[in-house]
Structures are given as structure tokens and as C-alpha cells.
Amino acid sequence: MDNDKLIKDYELFVKGEWDLSPFEHIYELNGRDIIEERMSTFSDDEKEKVKEYDKILVERAPLFYKVLKGFLEAEQKNKPKTHWWWYLNEVVEGKLNPQVN
């Protein structure tokens, strides 16, 4: 999958108004992992878009966590804290403040 497609899918996920199942949310968060892995290959414009969408995810963290409650905990076991999108519960609780500026 090319960078443009990854970023567009991420945008649709964070801005989406549709009802996704928890499993579809997990799939999209895995997509954010791929973005992170490829970040060094992104142009400055692409990196800015990811930051913009990360900010939206942080702002909407309570909505996402509401759907993912009970599912994130299992995923967190294998994810570093630098992948903050897996720790939306901590973002919501104010324990984790992702630097998305």
C-alpha cells in the first residue's frame, strides 16, 4: 500500500462518522502502526497530514475509547508507549499526553 492510501485511510478513520466494529477500529489502528514504520519515507507534507489527523484522534479519543474499551488492553501488551494510539484509555484519563505538534 502506498503512503497516500495509508494517509487517506487514516483520515477517513479519524474523521469518520460511521459505526465501525471494535475489530475494524483495531484494523485501522494497525494501519497507524504501518504509517509510523514508514514515516521516514514520507514527505514533509505527508508528515503534516499525519500530525493533523493525529490531533483529531486525540480530540476524539473519548469516542474511540468508548468503542474500544475492553479490546485495547489485549493489544497494548505488544505495543510500545510511543504508539500512543493504542493507549487511548490513558489519553482519555489524562495519564498520557501525546506530542502531536
N, C-alpha and C. Protein backbone atom coordinates (compact mmCIF):
# COMPACT_ATOMS: atom_id res chain seq x y z
N MET A 1 0.84 -1.18 0.00
CA MET A 1 0.00 0.00 0.00
C MET A 1 0.89 1.24 0.00
N ASP A 2 0.55 2.21 -0.83
CA ASP A 2 1.39 3.41 -0.90
C ASP A 2 1.04 4.40 0.22
N ASN A 3 1.94 5.35 0.42
CA ASN A 3 1.79 6.31 1.52
C ASN A 3 0.49 7.10 1.41
N ASP A 4 0.15 7.52 0.20
CA ASP A 4 -1.08 8.29 0.00
C ASP A 4 -2.30 7.53 0.49
N LYS A 5 -2.37 6.27 0.13
CA LYS A 5 -3.51 5.43 0.53
C LYS A 5 -3.55 5.25 2.04
N LEU A 6 -2.40 5.01 2.64
CA LEU A 6 -2.34 4.87 4.10
C LEU A 6 -2.86 6.12 4.80
N ILE A 7 -2.42 7.27 4.33
CA ILE A 7 -2.81 8.53 4.94
C ILE A 7 -4.30 8.80 4.72
N LYS A 8 -4.79 8.54 3.54
CA LYS A 8 -6.21 8.75 3.24
C LYS A 8 -7.08 7.84 4.10
N ASP A 9 -6.68 6.60 4.24
CA ASP A 9 -7.43 5.67 5.09
C ASP A 9 -7.43 6.14 6.54
N TYR A 10 -6.30 6.64 7.00
CA TYR A 10 -6.21 7.15 8.37
C TYR A 10 -7.13 8.36 8.54
N GLU A 11 -7.13 9.24 7.55
CA GLU A 11 -8.02 10.41 7.60
C GLU A 11 -9.48 9.97 7.71
N LEU A 12 -9.89 9.04 6.87
CA LEU A 12 -11.27 8.56 6.90
C LEU A 12 -11.61 7.95 8.25
N PHE A 13 -10.65 7.25 8.84
CA PHE A 13 -10.87 6.63 10.14
C PHE A 13 -11.07 7.68 11.22
N VAL A 14 -10.17 8.64 11.33
CA VAL A 14 -10.26 9.60 12.44
C VAL A 14 -11.40 10.59 12.27
N LYS A 15 -11.78 10.88 11.04
CA LYS A 15 -12.87 11.83 10.78
C LYS A 15 -14.22 11.14 10.62
N GLY A 16 -14.21 9.82 10.55
CA GLY A 16 -15.41 9.07 10.22
C GLY A 16 -16.56 9.26 11.20
N GLU A 17 -17.74 9.21 10.66
CA GLU A 17 -18.96 9.33 11.44
C GLU A 17 -19.75 8.02 11.46
N TRP A 18 -19.23 7.00 10.79
CA TRP A 18 -19.94 5.74 10.70
C TRP A 18 -19.63 4.88 11.91
N ASP A 19 -20.45 3.87 12.10
CA ASP A 19 -20.25 2.92 13.20
C ASP A 19 -19.38 1.77 12.72
N LEU A 20 -18.19 1.70 13.28
CA LEU A 20 -17.30 0.58 12.98
C LEU A 20 -17.32 -0.37 14.16
N SER A 21 -17.09 -1.63 13.89
CA SER A 21 -16.96 -2.59 14.97
C SER A 21 -15.62 -2.38 15.66
N PRO A 22 -15.47 -2.87 16.89
CA PRO A 22 -14.16 -2.77 17.55
C PRO A 22 -13.04 -3.40 16.71
N PHE A 23 -13.36 -4.46 16.00
CA PHE A 23 -12.33 -5.14 15.20
C PHE A 23 -11.89 -4.27 14.02
N GLU A 24 -12.82 -3.52 13.44
CA GLU A 24 -12.47 -2.59 12.37
C GLU A 24 -11.62 -1.44 12.91
N HIS A 25 -11.92 -1.00 14.12
CA HIS A 25 -11.09 0.04 14.75
C HIS A 25 -9.67 -0.48 14.97
N ILE A 26 -9.56 -1.71 15.45
CA ILE A 26 -8.24 -2.31 15.67
C ILE A 26 -7.47 -2.39 14.34
N TYR A 27 -8.15 -2.77 13.28
CA TYR A 27 -7.54 -2.82 11.95
C TYR A 27 -6.98 -1.46 11.57
N GLU A 28 -7.75 -0.41 11.80
CA GLU A 28 -7.31 0.95 11.45
C GLU A 28 -6.15 1.40 12.32
N LEU A 29 -6.14 1.02 13.59
CA LEU A 29 -5.01 1.37 14.45
C LEU A 29 -3.75 0.63 14.00
N ASN A 30 -3.91 -0.57 13.50
CA ASN A 30 -2.76 -1.28 12.91
C ASN A 30 -2.24 -0.52 11.70
N GLY A 31 -3.14 0.11 10.95
CA GLY A 31 -2.73 0.96 9.84
C GLY A 31 -1.88 2.12 10.31
N ARG A 32 -2.22 2.65 11.49
CA ARG A 32 -1.41 3.75 12.06
C ARG A 32 -0.02 3.25 12.42
N ASP A 33 0.09 2.00 12.84
CA ASP A 33 1.41 1.39 13.09
C ASP A 33 2.24 1.38 11.80
N ILE A 34 1.61 1.03 10.69
CA ILE A 34 2.33 0.99 9.41
C ILE A 34 2.79 2.39 9.02
N ILE A 35 1.93 3.37 9.25
CA ILE A 35 2.32 4.76 8.99
C ILE A 35 3.57 5.10 9.79
N GLU A 36 3.57 4.73 11.05
CA GLU A 36 4.73 5.03 11.91
C GLU A 36 5.99 4.35 11.38
N GLU A 37 5.87 3.12 10.96
CA GLU A 37 7.02 2.38 10.42
C GLU A 37 7.58 3.05 9.17
N ARG A 38 6.72 3.64 8.37
CA ARG A 38 7.14 4.24 7.10
C ARG A 38 7.38 5.74 7.17
N MET A 39 7.22 6.32 8.35
CA MET A 39 7.27 7.78 8.49
C MET A 39 8.53 8.38 7.87
N SER A 40 9.65 7.69 7.94
CA SER A 40 10.90 8.24 7.39
C SER A 40 10.85 8.37 5.87
N THR A 41 9.93 7.69 5.23
CA THR A 41 9.80 7.78 3.77
C THR A 41 8.78 8.83 3.34
N PHE A 42 8.10 9.44 4.29
CA PHE A 42 7.06 10.42 3.98
C PHE A 42 7.66 11.77 3.67
N SER A 43 7.01 12.50 2.79
CA SER A 43 7.39 13.89 2.52
C SER A 43 6.96 14.75 3.70
N ASP A 44 7.45 15.98 3.75
CA ASP A 44 7.05 16.89 4.82
C ASP A 44 5.54 17.12 4.82
N ASP A 45 4.96 17.25 3.64
CA ASP A 45 3.51 17.44 3.54
C ASP A 45 2.75 16.23 4.09
N GLU A 46 3.23 15.05 3.78
CA GLU A 46 2.58 13.84 4.28
C GLU A 46 2.69 13.76 5.80
N LYS A 47 3.85 14.11 6.33
CA LYS A 47 4.03 14.11 7.78
C LYS A 47 3.09 15.10 8.45
N GLU A 48 2.89 16.25 7.83
CA GLU A 48 1.97 17.26 8.37
C GLU A 48 0.54 16.74 8.39
N LYS A 49 0.15 16.03 7.36
CA LYS A 49 -1.19 15.46 7.32
C LYS A 49 -1.38 14.45 8.44
N VAL A 50 -0.38 13.61 8.66
CA VAL A 50 -0.47 12.63 9.74
C VAL A 50 -0.61 13.34 11.08
N LYS A 51 0.17 14.39 11.30
CA LYS A 51 0.05 15.16 12.55
C LYS A 51 -1.35 15.73 12.72
N GLU A 52 -1.88 16.27 11.64
CA GLU A 52 -3.24 16.84 11.67
C GLU A 52 -4.26 15.77 12.07
N TYR A 53 -4.14 14.58 11.50
CA TYR A 53 -5.09 13.52 11.80
C TYR A 53 -4.84 12.93 13.19
N ASP A 54 -3.59 12.92 13.62
CA ASP A 54 -3.30 12.51 15.00
C ASP A 54 -3.99 13.44 15.99
N LYS A 55 -3.96 14.73 15.73
CA LYS A 55 -4.63 15.69 16.62
C LYS A 55 -6.12 15.40 16.70
N ILE A 56 -6.71 15.07 15.57
CA ILE A 56 -8.14 14.74 15.56
C ILE A 56 -8.39 13.48 16.39
N LEU A 57 -7.52 12.49 16.25
CA LEU A 57 -7.67 11.26 17.03
C LEU A 57 -7.58 11.56 18.52
N VAL A 58 -6.65 12.41 18.91
CA VAL A 58 -6.52 12.78 20.33
C VAL A 58 -7.79 13.48 20.80
N GLU A 59 -8.28 14.42 20.00
CA GLU A 59 -9.50 15.15 20.36
C GLU A 59 -10.71 14.22 20.48
N ARG A 60 -10.76 13.24 19.64
CA ARG A 60 -11.90 12.31 19.61
C ARG A 60 -11.63 11.03 20.41
N ALA A 61 -10.54 11.02 21.16
CA ALA A 61 -10.16 9.83 21.92
C ALA A 61 -11.31 9.26 22.77
N PRO A 62 -12.09 10.10 23.46
CA PRO A 62 -13.19 9.52 24.25
C PRO A 62 -14.19 8.72 23.40
N LEU A 63 -14.48 9.20 22.20
CA LEU A 63 -15.41 8.47 21.32
C LEU A 63 -14.83 7.13 20.88
N PHE A 64 -13.55 7.17 20.51
CA PHE A 64 -12.90 5.93 20.06
C PHE A 64 -12.75 4.95 21.21
N TYR A 65 -12.39 5.47 22.38
CA TYR A 65 -12.20 4.57 23.52
C TYR A 65 -13.51 3.93 23.94
N LYS A 66 -14.59 4.66 23.80
CA LYS A 66 -15.90 4.11 24.14
C LYS A 66 -16.17 2.82 23.35
N VAL A 67 -15.78 2.81 22.09
CA VAL A 67 -15.97 1.63 21.23
C VAL A 67 -14.94 0.55 21.55
N LEU A 68 -13.73 0.97 21.90
CA LEU A 68 -12.62 0.03 22.04
C LEU A 68 -12.39 -0.47 23.46
N LYS A 69 -13.13 0.06 24.40
CA LYS A 69 -12.96 -0.36 25.80
C LYS A 69 -13.08 -1.88 25.90
N GLY A 70 -12.10 -2.48 26.53
CA GLY A 70 -12.08 -3.93 26.66
C GLY A 70 -11.29 -4.63 25.56
N PHE A 71 -11.06 -3.93 24.47
CA PHE A 71 -10.30 -4.51 23.35
C PHE A 71 -8.87 -4.00 23.32
N LEU A 72 -8.67 -2.75 23.73
CA LEU A 72 -7.33 -2.16 23.66
C LEU A 72 -6.35 -2.83 24.59
N GLU A 73 -6.83 -3.23 25.75
CA GLU A 73 -5.94 -3.79 26.76
C GLU A 73 -5.16 -4.99 26.23
N ALA A 74 -5.82 -5.85 25.48
CA ALA A 74 -5.13 -7.03 24.91
C ALA A 74 -4.08 -6.61 23.90
N GLU A 75 -4.37 -5.57 23.13
CA GLU A 75 -3.44 -5.09 22.11
C GLU A 75 -2.23 -4.38 22.73
N GLN A 76 -2.44 -3.74 23.87
CA GLN A 76 -1.39 -2.94 24.50
C GLN A 76 -0.20 -3.78 24.93
N LYS A 77 -0.40 -5.04 25.17
CA LYS A 77 0.68 -5.91 25.66
C LYS A 77 1.87 -5.93 24.72
N ASN A 78 1.62 -5.76 23.43
CA ASN A 78 2.69 -5.85 22.44
C ASN A 78 3.04 -4.51 21.80
N LYS A 79 2.55 -3.42 22.36
CA LYS A 79 2.74 -2.11 21.74
C LYS A 79 3.52 -1.18 22.66
N PRO A 80 4.55 -0.51 22.13
CA PRO A 80 5.30 0.45 22.96
C PRO A 80 4.45 1.71 23.19
N LYS A 81 4.74 2.41 24.27
CA LYS A 81 4.00 3.64 24.59
C LYS A 81 4.18 4.71 23.52
N THR A 82 5.25 4.61 22.74
CA THR A 82 5.41 5.58 21.65
C THR A 82 4.29 5.44 20.62
N HIS A 83 3.65 4.30 20.60
CA HIS A 83 2.47 4.09 19.75
C HIS A 83 1.23 4.42 20.59
N TRP A 84 1.12 5.67 20.95
CA TRP A 84 0.11 6.17 21.89
C TRP A 84 -1.32 5.86 21.46
N TRP A 85 -1.58 5.67 20.17
CA TRP A 85 -2.93 5.41 19.68
C TRP A 85 -3.49 4.12 20.22
N TRP A 86 -2.63 3.24 20.74
CA TRP A 86 -3.09 2.02 21.39
C TRP A 86 -3.43 2.26 22.86
N TYR A 87 -3.14 3.43 23.36
CA TYR A 87 -3.35 3.76 24.77
C TYR A 87 -4.38 4.88 24.92
N LEU A 88 -5.45 4.81 24.14
CA LEU A 88 -6.47 5.85 24.18
C LEU A 88 -7.11 5.95 25.56
N ASN A 89 -7.16 4.85 26.30
CA ASN A 89 -7.66 4.90 27.66
C ASN A 89 -6.82 5.85 28.51
N GLU A 90 -5.51 5.81 28.36
CA GLU A 90 -4.63 6.70 29.12
C GLU A 90 -4.70 8.13 28.61
N VAL A 91 -4.95 8.30 27.33
CA VAL A 91 -5.14 9.64 26.77
C VAL A 91 -6.40 10.25 27.38
N VAL A 92 -7.48 9.47 27.41
CA VAL A 92 -8.75 9.94 27.96
C VAL A 92 -8.60 10.27 29.45
N GLU A 93 -7.87 9.45 30.18
CA GLU A 93 -7.69 9.65 31.62
C GLU A 93 -6.68 10.74 31.95
N GLY A 94 -6.00 11.28 30.94
CA GLY A 94 -5.01 12.31 31.16
C GLY A 94 -3.66 11.79 31.63
N LYS A 95 -3.46 10.49 31.60
CA LYS A 95 -2.20 9.88 32.01
C LYS A 95 -1.15 9.93 30.91
N LEU A 96 -1.60 10.08 29.67
CA LEU A 96 -0.71 10.10 28.52
C LEU A 96 -1.09 11.28 27.65
N ASN A 97 -0.11 12.12 27.36
CA ASN A 97 -0.35 13.31 26.55
C ASN A 97 0.53 13.23 25.30
N PRO A 98 -0.01 12.67 24.23
CA PRO A 98 0.79 12.51 23.00
C PRO A 98 1.26 13.86 22.45
N GLN A 99 2.50 13.90 22.02
CA GLN A 99 3.05 15.11 21.41
C GLN A 99 2.80 15.03 19.91
N VAL A 100 1.74 15.67 19.47
CA VAL A 100 1.36 15.61 18.06
C VAL A 100 1.51 16.97 17.39
N ASN A 101 2.31 17.83 17.97
CA ASN A 101 2.52 19.18 17.39
C ASN A 101 3.63 19.16 16.38
